[in-house]
C-alpha atoms as a PDB file:
ATOM      1  CA  UNK A   1       0.011  -0.005  -0.010  1.00  0.00           C
ATOM      2  CA  UNK A   2       1.538   3.340  -0.907  1.00  0.00           C
ATOM      3  CA  UNK A   3       2.235   5.618   2.077  1.00  0.00           C
ATOM      4  CA  UNK A   4      -0.005   8.702   2.351  1.00  0.00           C
ATOM      5  CA  UNK A   5       1.645  12.015   1.944  1.00  0.00           C
ATOM      6  CA  UNK A   6       2.677  13.960   4.866  1.00  0.00           C
ATOM      7  CA  UNK A   7       0.766  16.886   4.014  1.00  0.00           C
ATOM      8  CA  UNK A   8      -3.008  15.810   3.190  1.00  0.00           C
ATOM      9  CA  UNK A   9      -5.279  18.127   1.398  1.00  0.00           C
ATOM     10  CA  UNK A  10      -7.879  19.625   3.806  1.00  0.00           C
ATOM     11  CA  UNK A  11     -11.750  19.562   3.202  1.00  0.00           C
ATOM     12  CA  UNK A  12     -14.386  21.609   4.705  1.00  0.00           C
ATOM     13  CA  UNK A  13     -16.331  19.089   6.847  1.00  0.00           C
ATOM     14  CA  UNK A  14     -19.679  20.866   6.623  1.00  0.00           C
ATOM     15  CA  UNK A  15     -19.478  21.124   2.758  1.00  0.00           C
ATOM     16  CA  UNK A  16     -18.500  17.325   2.391  1.00  0.00           C
ATOM     17  CA  UNK A  17     -21.517  16.404   4.733  1.00  0.00           C
ATOM     18  CA  UNK A  18     -23.805  18.374   2.674  1.00  0.00           C
ATOM     19  CA  UNK A  19     -22.241  16.904  -0.525  1.00  0.00           C
ATOM     20  CA  UNK A  20     -22.817  13.333   0.456  1.00  0.00           C
ATOM     21  CA  UNK A  21     -26.311  14.050   1.413  1.00  0.00           C
ATOM     22  CA  UNK A  22     -27.006  15.867  -1.874  1.00  0.00           C
ATOM     23  CA  UNK A  23     -25.441  13.292  -4.135  1.00  0.00           C
ATOM     24  CA  UNK A  24     -27.215  10.469  -2.496  1.00  0.00           C
ATOM     25  CA  UNK A  25     -30.400  12.519  -2.911  1.00  0.00           C
ATOM     26  CA  UNK A  26     -29.731  12.927  -6.656  1.00  0.00           C
ATOM     27  CA  UNK A  27     -29.254   9.196  -7.105  1.00  0.00           C
ATOM     28  CA  UNK A  28     -32.278   8.371  -5.021  1.00  0.00           C
ATOM     29  CA  UNK A  29     -34.470  10.674  -7.216  1.00  0.00           C
ATOM     30  CA  UNK A  30     -33.102   9.019 -10.411  1.00  0.00           C
ATOM     31  CA  UNK A  31     -33.457   5.243  -9.002  1.00  0.00           C
ATOM     32  CA  UNK A  32     -37.132   5.931  -8.235  1.00  0.00           C
ATOM     33  CA  UNK A  33     -37.900   6.548 -11.838  1.00  0.00           C
ATOM     34  CA  UNK A  34     -36.485   3.400 -13.147  1.00  0.00           C
ATOM     35  CA  UNK A  35     -38.903   0.637 -14.366  1.00  0.00           C
ATOM     36  CA  UNK A  36     -38.304  -3.311 -14.146  1.00  0.00           C
ATOM     37  CA  UNK A  37     -36.598  -3.302 -17.537  1.00  0.00           C
ATOM     38  CA  UNK A  38     -34.077  -0.591 -16.599  1.00  0.00           C
ATOM     39  CA  UNK A  39     -33.452  -2.099 -13.300  1.00  0.00           C
ATOM     40  CA  UNK A  40     -32.643  -5.529 -14.807  1.00  0.00           C
ATOM     41  CA  UNK A  41     -30.277  -3.993 -17.409  1.00  0.00           C
ATOM     42  CA  UNK A  42     -26.429  -4.938 -16.979  1.00  0.00           C
ATOM     43  CA  UNK A  43     -23.889  -2.611 -15.825  1.00  0.00           C
ATOM     44  CA  UNK A  44     -19.993  -2.295 -16.432  1.00  0.00           C
ATOM     45  CA  UNK A  45     -19.375  -3.823 -13.054  1.00  0.00           C
ATOM     46  CA  UNK A  46     -19.015  -7.444 -13.943  1.00  0.00           C
ATOM     47  CA  UNK A  47     -22.489  -9.388 -13.122  1.00  0.00           C
ATOM     48  CA  UNK A  48     -24.149  -6.574 -11.329  1.00  0.00           C
ATOM     49  CA  UNK A  49     -27.456  -5.333 -12.697  1.00  0.00           C
ATOM     50  CA  UNK A  50     -28.840  -1.855 -12.290  1.00  0.00           C
ATOM     51  CA  UNK A  51     -30.882  -2.987  -9.336  1.00  0.00           C
ATOM     52  CA  UNK A  52     -27.899  -4.400  -7.597  1.00  0.00           C
ATOM     53  CA  UNK A  53     -25.810  -1.480  -8.210  1.00  0.00           C
ATOM     54  CA  UNK A  54     -28.618   0.865  -6.975  1.00  0.00           C
ATOM     55  CA  UNK A  55     -28.755  -1.169  -3.807  1.00  0.00           C
ATOM     56  CA  UNK A  56     -24.918  -1.045  -3.515  1.00  0.00           C
ATOM     57  CA  UNK A  57     -25.156   2.731  -3.369  1.00  0.00           C
ATOM     58  CA  UNK A  58     -27.173   2.608  -0.177  1.00  0.00           C
ATOM     59  CA  UNK A  59     -24.828   0.112   1.368  1.00  0.00           C
ATOM     60  CA  UNK A  60     -21.843   2.512   0.706  1.00  0.00           C
ATOM     61  CA  UNK A  61     -23.691   5.278   2.468  1.00  0.00           C
ATOM     62  CA  UNK A  62     -25.373   3.227   5.113  1.00  0.00           C
ATOM     63  CA  UNK A  63     -21.856   2.268   6.348  1.00  0.00           C
ATOM     64  CA  UNK A  64     -21.498   5.621   7.998  1.00  0.00           C
ATOM     65  CA  UNK A  65     -24.607   5.118  10.083  1.00  0.00           C
ATOM     66  CA  UNK A  66     -23.813   1.661  10.865  1.00  0.00           C
ATOM     67  CA  UNK A  67     -20.030   2.472  11.910  1.00  0.00           C
ATOM     68  CA  UNK A  68     -21.300   5.295  14.005  1.00  0.00           C
ATOM     69  CA  UNK A  69     -23.471   2.737  15.823  1.00  0.00           C
ATOM     70  CA  UNK A  70     -20.352   0.830  16.803  1.00  0.00           C
ATOM     71  CA  UNK A  71     -17.828   1.335  19.710  1.00  0.00           C
ATOM     72  CA  UNK A  72     -15.402   3.935  18.773  1.00  0.00           C
ATOM     73  CA  UNK A  73     -11.959   2.496  18.091  1.00  0.00           C
ATOM     74  CA  UNK A  74      -9.126   3.641  20.303  1.00  0.00           C
ATOM     75  CA  UNK A  75      -6.927   5.293  17.693  1.00  0.00           C
ATOM     76  CA  UNK A  76      -6.853   6.107  13.927  1.00  0.00           C
ATOM     77  CA  UNK A  77      -5.312   3.425  11.724  1.00  0.00           C
ATOM     78  CA  UNK A  78      -6.223   4.625   8.243  1.00  0.00           C
ATOM     79  CA  UNK A  79      -5.288   7.769   6.577  1.00  0.00           C
ATOM     80  CA  UNK A  80      -7.323   9.257   4.002  1.00  0.00           C
ATOM     81  CA  UNK A  81      -4.728   8.758   1.227  1.00  0.00           C
ATOM     82  CA  UNK A  82      -4.627   5.076   2.273  1.00  0.00           C
ATOM     83  CA  UNK A  83      -8.147   4.500   1.494  1.00  0.00           C
ATOM     84  CA  UNK A  84      -8.129   4.061  -2.277  1.00  0.00           C
ATOM     85  CA  UNK A  85      -5.560   1.368  -1.944  1.00  0.00           C
ATOM     86  CA  UNK A  86      -7.365  -0.540   0.728  1.00  0.00           C
ATOM     87  CA  UNK A  87     -10.605  -1.291  -0.998  1.00  0.00           C
ATOM     88  CA  UNK A  88      -9.502  -4.105  -3.451  1.00  0.00           C
ATOM     89  CA  UNK A  89      -9.033  -6.786  -0.836  1.00  0.00           C
ATOM     90  CA  UNK A  90     -12.906  -6.490   0.176  1.00  0.00           C
ATOM     91  CA  UNK A  91     -14.231  -6.551  -3.398  1.00  0.00           C
ATOM     92  CA  UNK A  92     -15.594  -9.949  -3.464  1.00  0.00           C
ATOM     93  CA  UNK A  93     -17.197  -9.668  -0.123  1.00  0.00           C
ATOM     94  CA  UNK A  94     -18.863  -6.476  -1.029  1.00  0.00           C
ATOM     95  CA  UNK A  95     -20.205  -7.941  -4.245  1.00  0.00           C
ATOM     96  CA  UNK A  96     -21.772 -10.822  -2.492  1.00  0.00           C
ATOM     97  CA  UNK A  97     -23.409  -8.643   0.232  1.00  0.00           C
ATOM     98  CA  UNK A  98     -24.700  -6.241  -2.586  1.00  0.00           C
ATOM     99  CA  UNK A  99     -26.414  -9.108  -4.167  1.00  0.00           C
ATOM    100  CA  UNK A 100     -27.947 -10.199  -0.998  1.00  0.00           C
ATOM    101  CA  UNK A 101     -29.172  -6.788  -0.155  1.00  0.00           C
ATOM    102  CA  UNK A 102     -30.755  -6.231  -3.527  1.00  0.00           C
ATOM    103  CA  UNK A 103     -32.652  -9.549  -3.172  1.00  0.00           C
ATOM    104  CA  UNK A 104     -33.739  -8.623   0.311  1.00  0.00           C
ATOM    105  CA  UNK A 105     -34.994  -5.224  -0.523  1.00  0.00           C
ATOM    106  CA  UNK A 106     -37.254  -5.334  -3.749  1.00  0.00           C
ATOM    107  CA  UNK A 107     -38.636  -1.717  -2.839  1.00  0.00           C
ATOM    108  CA  UNK A 108     -35.577   0.377  -3.683  1.00  0.00           C
ATOM    109  CA  UNK A 109     -37.295   3.663  -2.754  1.00  0.00           C
ATOM    110  CA  UNK A 110     -38.044   2.430   0.718  1.00  0.00           C
ATOM    111  CA  UNK A 111     -34.379   1.327   1.026  1.00  0.00           C
ATOM    112  CA  UNK A 112     -33.199   4.736  -0.012  1.00  0.00           C
ATOM    113  CA  UNK A 113     -35.643   6.619   2.259  1.00  0.00           C
ATOM    114  CA  UNK A 114     -34.504   4.550   5.166  1.00  0.00           C
ATOM    115  CA  UNK A 115     -30.836   5.011   4.484  1.00  0.00           C
ATOM    116  CA  UNK A 116     -31.174   8.688   4.085  1.00  0.00           C
ATOM    117  CA  UNK A 117     -33.245   9.201   7.199  1.00  0.00           C
ATOM    118  CA  UNK A 118     -30.696   7.193   9.313  1.00  0.00           C
ATOM    119  CA  UNK A 119     -27.826   9.148   7.767  1.00  0.00           C
ATOM    120  CA  UNK A 120     -29.213  12.450   8.416  1.00  0.00           C
ATOM    121  CA  UNK A 121     -30.060  11.524  11.996  1.00  0.00           C
ATOM    122  CA  UNK A 122     -26.593  10.192  12.607  1.00  0.00           C
ATOM    123  CA  UNK A 123     -24.675  13.033  11.238  1.00  0.00           C
ATOM    124  CA  UNK A 124     -26.712  15.657  13.083  1.00  0.00           C
ATOM    125  CA  UNK A 125     -24.537  15.507  16.231  1.00  0.00           C
ATOM    126  CA  UNK A 126     -21.454  13.510  15.253  1.00  0.00           C
ATOM    127  CA  UNK A 127     -18.053  15.349  15.366  1.00  0.00           C
ATOM    128  CA  UNK A 128     -15.832  15.015  12.553  1.00  0.00           C
ATOM    129  CA  UNK A 129     -13.043  13.714  14.704  1.00  0.00           C
ATOM    130  CA  UNK A 130     -15.104  10.734  15.718  1.00  0.00           C
ATOM    131  CA  UNK A 131     -13.411   7.322  14.835  1.00  0.00           C
ATOM    132  CA  UNK A 132     -15.045   4.804  12.712  1.00  0.00           C
ATOM    133  CA  UNK A 133     -14.113   1.214  12.555  1.00  0.00           C
ATOM    134  CA  UNK A 134     -15.092   0.978   8.794  1.00  0.00           C
ATOM    135  CA  UNK A 135     -16.474  -2.448   9.055  1.00  0.00           C
ATOM    136  CA  UNK A 136     -19.194  -3.579   6.482  1.00  0.00           C
ATOM    137  CA  UNK A 137     -22.728  -2.452   6.908  1.00  0.00           C
ATOM    138  CA  UNK A 138     -24.280  -5.682   8.618  1.00  0.00           C
ATOM    139  CA  UNK A 139     -28.048  -5.277   7.902  1.00  0.00           C
ATOM    140  CA  UNK A 140     -30.734  -7.228   6.408  1.00  0.00           C
ATOM    141  CA  UNK A 141     -29.660  -9.166   3.377  1.00  0.00           C
ATOM    142  CA  UNK A 142     -25.997  -8.532   4.032  1.00  0.00           C
ATOM    143  CA  UNK A 143     -23.361 -10.139   6.202  1.00  0.00           C
ATOM    144  CA  UNK A 144     -22.580  -8.891   9.731  1.00  0.00           C
ATOM    145  CA  UNK A 145     -18.999  -8.021  10.562  1.00  0.00           C
ATOM    146  CA  UNK A 146     -16.216  -8.682   8.247  1.00  0.00           C
ATOM    147  CA  UNK A 147     -12.455  -7.494   7.995  1.00  0.00           C
ATOM    148  CA  UNK A 148     -12.022  -3.854   8.809  1.00  0.00           C
ATOM    149  CA  UNK A 149      -9.982  -1.652   6.695  1.00  0.00           C
ATOM    150  CA  UNK A 150      -8.802   0.322   9.815  1.00  0.00           C
ATOM    151  CA  UNK A 151     -10.041   3.147  11.932  1.00  0.00           C
ATOM    152  CA  UNK A 152     -10.631   6.411  10.161  1.00  0.00           C
ATOM    153  CA  UNK A 153     -12.143   9.810  11.195  1.00  0.00           C
ATOM    154  CA  UNK A 154     -15.669  10.400  10.257  1.00  0.00           C
ATOM    155  CA  UNK A 155     -14.492  13.519   8.354  1.00  0.00           C
ATOM    156  CA  UNK A 156     -12.156  11.588   6.256  1.00  0.00           C
ATOM    157  CA  UNK A 157     -14.576   8.706   5.772  1.00  0.00           C
ATOM    158  CA  UNK A 158     -17.251  11.092   4.460  1.00  0.00           C
ATOM    159  CA  UNK A 159     -14.632  12.316   1.725  1.00  0.00           C
ATOM    160  CA  UNK A 160     -14.403   8.583   0.622  1.00  0.00           C
ATOM    161  CA  UNK A 161     -18.268   8.464   0.437  1.00  0.00           C
ATOM    162  CA  UNK A 162     -18.016  11.089  -2.260  1.00  0.00           C
ATOM    163  CA  UNK A 163     -15.826   8.912  -4.401  1.00  0.00           C
ATOM    164  CA  UNK A 164     -18.459   5.979  -3.780  1.00  0.00           C
ATOM    165  CA  UNK A 165     -21.253   8.174  -4.814  1.00  0.00           C
ATOM    166  CA  UNK A 166     -19.616   9.904  -7.728  1.00  0.00           C
ATOM    167  CA  UNK A 167     -18.151   6.907  -9.288  1.00  0.00           C
ATOM    168  CA  UNK A 168     -21.471   4.809  -8.986  1.00  0.00           C
ATOM    169  CA  UNK A 169     -23.501   7.656 -10.319  1.00  0.00           C
ATOM    170  CA  UNK A 170     -21.377   7.577 -13.382  1.00  0.00           C
ATOM    171  CA  UNK A 171     -21.857   3.794 -13.645  1.00  0.00           C
ATOM    172  CA  UNK A 172     -25.698   4.197 -13.338  1.00  0.00           C
ATOM    173  CA  UNK A 173     -25.586   6.894 -16.016  1.00  0.00           C
ATOM    174  CA  UNK A 174     -23.648   4.614 -18.383  1.00  0.00           C
ATOM    175  CA  UNK A 175     -25.922   1.746 -17.695  1.00  0.00           C
ATOM    176  CA  UNK A 176     -29.125   3.535 -18.439  1.00  0.00           C
ATOM    177  CA  UNK A 177     -29.446   5.599 -21.621  1.00  0.00           C
ATOM    178  CA  UNK A 178     -30.852   9.082 -20.843  1.00  0.00           C
ATOM    179  CA  UNK A 179     -30.816   8.551 -16.874  1.00  0.00           C
ATOM    180  CA  UNK A 180     -28.324  11.559 -16.608  1.00  0.00           C
ATOM    181  CA  UNK A 181     -28.074  11.818 -12.758  1.00  0.00           C
ATOM    182  CA  UNK A 182     -26.429  15.088 -11.926  1.00  0.00           C
ATOM    183  CA  UNK A 183     -23.353  15.596  -9.936  1.00  0.00           C
ATOM    184  CA  UNK A 184     -23.183  17.643  -6.899  1.00  0.00           C
ATOM    185  CA  UNK A 185     -20.246  20.015  -7.399  1.00  0.00           C
ATOM    186  CA  UNK A 186     -18.787  19.682  -4.075  1.00  0.00           C
ATOM    187  CA  UNK A 187     -18.987  15.806  -4.270  1.00  0.00           C
ATOM    188  CA  UNK A 188     -17.361  15.753  -7.739  1.00  0.00           C
ATOM    189  CA  UNK A 189     -14.594  18.168  -6.483  1.00  0.00           C
ATOM    190  CA  UNK A 190     -13.872  16.042  -3.484  1.00  0.00           C
ATOM    191  CA  UNK A 191     -13.756  12.848  -5.446  1.00  0.00           C
ATOM    192  CA  UNK A 192     -11.549  14.223  -8.209  1.00  0.00           C
ATOM    193  CA  UNK A 193      -9.184  15.688  -5.496  1.00  0.00           C
ATOM    194  CA  UNK A 194      -8.796  12.575  -3.562  1.00  0.00           C
ATOM    195  CA  UNK A 195      -8.127  10.448  -6.534  1.00  0.00           C
ATOM    196  CA  UNK A 196      -5.547  12.899  -7.809  1.00  0.00           C
ATOM    197  CA  UNK A 197      -3.812  13.050  -4.464  1.00  0.00           C
ATOM    198  CA  UNK A 198      -3.763   9.333  -4.348  1.00  0.00           C
ATOM    199  CA  UNK A 199      -1.881   9.237  -7.719  1.00  0.00           C
ATOM    200  CA  UNK A 200       0.712  11.668  -6.294  1.00  0.00           C
ATOM    201  CA  UNK A 201       0.955   9.212  -3.232  1.00  0.00           C
ATOM    202  CA  UNK A 202       1.320   6.149  -5.497  1.00  0.00           C
ATOM    203  CA  UNK A 203       3.959   7.831  -7.933  1.00  0.00           C
ATOM    204  CA  UNK A 204       5.698  10.535  -5.757  1.00  0.00           C
ATOM    205  CA  UNK A 205       7.825  12.822  -7.494  1.00  0.00           C
ATOM    206  CA  UNK A 206       7.698  16.232  -9.252  1.00  0.00           C
ATOM    207  CA  UNK A 207       8.398  15.727 -12.884  1.00  0.00           C
ATOM    208  CA  UNK A 208       4.895  15.490 -14.155  1.00  0.00           C
ATOM    209  CA  UNK A 209       1.961  17.902 -13.591  1.00  0.00           C
ATOM    210  CA  UNK A 210      -1.505  16.301 -13.832  1.00  0.00           C
ATOM    211  CA  UNK A 211      -4.125  18.789 -14.285  1.00  0.00           C
ATOM    212  CA  UNK A 212      -8.000  18.063 -13.722  1.00  0.00           C
ATOM    213  CA  UNK A 213      -9.624  21.522 -14.049  1.00  0.00           C
ATOM    214  CA  UNK A 214     -11.287  23.135 -12.190  1.00  0.00           C
ATOM    215  CA  UNK A 215     -10.608  20.840  -9.269  1.00  0.00           C
ATOM    216  CA  UNK A 216      -7.060  19.480  -9.013  1.00  0.00           C
ATOM    217  CA  UNK A 217      -3.404  19.900  -9.895  1.00  0.00           C
ATOM    218  CA  UNK A 218      -0.773  17.626  -8.631  1.00  0.00           C
ATOM    219  CA  UNK A 219       2.835  16.768  -9.144  1.00  0.00           C
ATOM    220  CA  UNK A 220       3.946  13.144  -9.286  1.00  0.00           C
ATOM    221  CA  UNK A 221       6.279  10.798 -11.040  1.00  0.00           C
ATOM    222  CA  UNK A 222      10.027  10.627 -10.255  1.00  0.00           C
ATOM    223  CA  UNK A 223      12.323  12.619 -12.239  1.00  0.00           C
ATOM    224  CA  UNK A 224      13.606  16.182 -12.664  1.00  0.00           C
ATOM    225  CA  UNK A 225      11.547  18.520 -10.637  1.00  0.00           C
ATOM    226  CA  UNK A 226       9.760  21.470 -12.314  1.00  0.00           C
ATOM    227  CA  UNK A 227      10.210  24.780 -10.628  1.00  0.00           C
ATOM    228  CA  UNK A 228       9.090  27.530 -12.951  1.00  0.00           C
ATOM    229  CA  UNK A 229       7.505  28.236 -16.424  1.00  0.00           C
ATOM    230  CA  UNK A 230       5.644  25.525 -18.424  1.00  0.00           C
ATOM    231  CA  UNK A 231       6.218  21.941 -17.034  1.00  0.00           C
ATOM    232  CA  UNK A 232       8.017  19.719 -19.627  1.00  0.00           C
ATOM    233  CA  UNK A 233       5.530  16.920 -18.747  1.00  0.00           C
ATOM    234  CA  UNK A 234       1.887  17.620 -18.419  1.00  0.00           C
ATOM    235  CA  UNK A 235      -1.189  15.538 -18.434  1.00  0.00           C
ATOM    236  CA  UNK A 236      -4.613  17.159 -18.526  1.00  0.00           C
ATOM    237  CA  UNK A 237      -8.170  15.771 -18.673  1.00  0.00           C
ATOM    238  CA  UNK A 238     -11.654  16.577 -17.421  1.00  0.00           C
ATOM    239  CA  UNK A 239     -12.981  15.320 -13.909  1.00  0.00           C
ATOM    240  CA  UNK A 240     -15.087  12.437 -15.253  1.00  0.00           C
ATOM    241  CA  UNK A 241     -12.521  11.098 -17.469  1.00  0.00           C
ATOM    242  CA  UNK A 242      -9.846  11.179 -14.605  1.00  0.00           C
ATOM    243  CA  UNK A 243     -12.192   9.401 -12.242  1.00  0.00           C
ATOM    244  CA  UNK A 244     -12.952   6.638 -14.930  1.00  0.00           C
ATOM    245  CA  UNK A 245      -9.125   6.270 -15.425  1.00  0.00           C
ATOM    246  CA  UNK A 246      -8.367   6.122 -11.666  1.00  0.00           C
ATOM    247  CA  UNK A 247     -11.083   3.564 -10.996  1.00  0.00           C
ATOM    248  CA  UNK A 248     -10.347   1.273 -14.056  1.00  0.00           C
ATOM    249  CA  UNK A 249     -13.667   2.211 -15.908  1.00  0.00           C
ATOM    250  CA  UNK A 250     -11.317   3.477 -18.871  1.00  0.00           C
ATOM    251  CA  UNK A 251      -8.038   2.378 -20.045  1.00  0.00           C
ATOM    252  CA  UNK A 252      -5.192   4.907 -20.524  1.00  0.00           C
ATOM    253  CA  UNK A 253      -4.573   3.893 -24.091  1.00  0.00           C
ATOM    254  CA  UNK A 254      -8.439   4.230 -25.000  1.00  0.00           C
ATOM    255  CA  UNK A 255      -8.618   7.689 -23.367  1.00  0.00           C
ATOM    256  CA  UNK A 256      -5.560   8.944 -25.293  1.00  0.00           C
ATOM    257  CA  UNK A 257      -6.889   7.299 -28.747  1.00  0.00           C
ATOM    258  CA  UNK A 258     -10.246   9.113 -28.104  1.00  0.00           C
ATOM    259  CA  UNK A 259      -8.641  12.427 -27.201  1.00  0.00           C
ATOM    260  CA  UNK A 260     -10.108  12.580 -23.839  1.00  0.00           C
ATOM    261  CA  UNK A 261      -6.561  13.167 -22.338  1.00  0.00           C
ATOM    262  CA  UNK A 262      -3.840  15.458 -23.342  1.00  0.00           C
ATOM    263  CA  UNK A 263      -0.204  14.148 -22.539  1.00  0.00           C
ATOM    264  CA  UNK A 264       2.981  15.841 -23.556  1.00  0.00           C
ATOM    265  CA  UNK A 265       6.480  14.883 -22.428  1.00  0.00           C
ATOM    266  CA  UNK A 266       8.389  11.642 -21.856  1.00  0.00           C
ATOM    267  CA  UNK A 267       7.209  11.206 -18.475  1.00  0.00           C
ATOM    268  CA  UNK A 268       3.581  11.955 -19.292  1.00  0.00           C
ATOM    269  CA  UNK A 269       2.483   8.290 -19.563  1.00  0.00           C
ATOM    270  CA  UNK A 270       0.460   7.415 -16.490  1.00  0.00           C
ATOM    271  CA  UNK A 271      -0.375   3.901 -17.646  1.00  0.00           C
ATOM    272  CA  UNK A 272       2.018   2.335 -15.058  1.00  0.00           C
ATOM    273  CA  UNK A 273       0.194   3.705 -12.213  1.00  0.00           C
ATOM    274  CA  UNK A 274      -3.455   3.311 -13.172  1.00  0.00           C
ATOM    275  CA  UNK A 275      -5.803   2.267 -12.180  1.00  0.00           C
ATOM    276  CA  UNK A 276      -5.507   3.421  -8.785  1.00  0.00           C
ATOM    277  CA  UNK A 277      -8.630   1.492  -7.497  1.00  0.00           C
ATOM    278  CA  UNK A 278      -9.741  -1.703  -9.228  1.00  0.00           C
END
């Protein structure tokens, strides 16, 4: 696991809480419009259907409420920049739990309503410094317990929820033509920035500048450090393309071929470092 950078980007806790609630609300409003045929459509996430993916979104958010219900750990173990690299080990268990959850809750709107109510209630008086054990949700249709990723502050964990919500919003939009779920600006910004910072943690250095306007610019990749003027190695793309690259939804070569990414300089090839999350 790549080490987290010593200086981690700061996020406004109030804005992140609002962003999580807003993006979850965006997804909820869209899911309630889907009919049986749309819910049965395949997604780009292996064997998941749209129904299963929609159920998974609630599980990703419900984890906040459930972890707040558990006893607070003694100390923090997981830094924010460690999180993108700590998810792969639990992918199979999460997939199984998602299918169980979808089967147990045929009424998705009711599932979303209950999840939103619990999250709003739990966040009302929980301080951002409160530690969470980051265990799986453990509710009807899903297994209880599981292997923890490590204790993390609530404030940092909510930033990771913006990644879950934005990435899966994009997955849903890709699976259902015309769905067009909107992206909360703060959620999209936080997701973009966390994944850009994760790249800088995975490929530390200062020879390449990665630009994802209007949200993020990071220096990465070993080599001569740029100090002034136009950097010799520059990568630039839009937020959704960057998020798809970072999460394995889009291959670097395909993005270059489709002109979704501009890359100049001998150290501007990011393919050795992507995806960050798989």
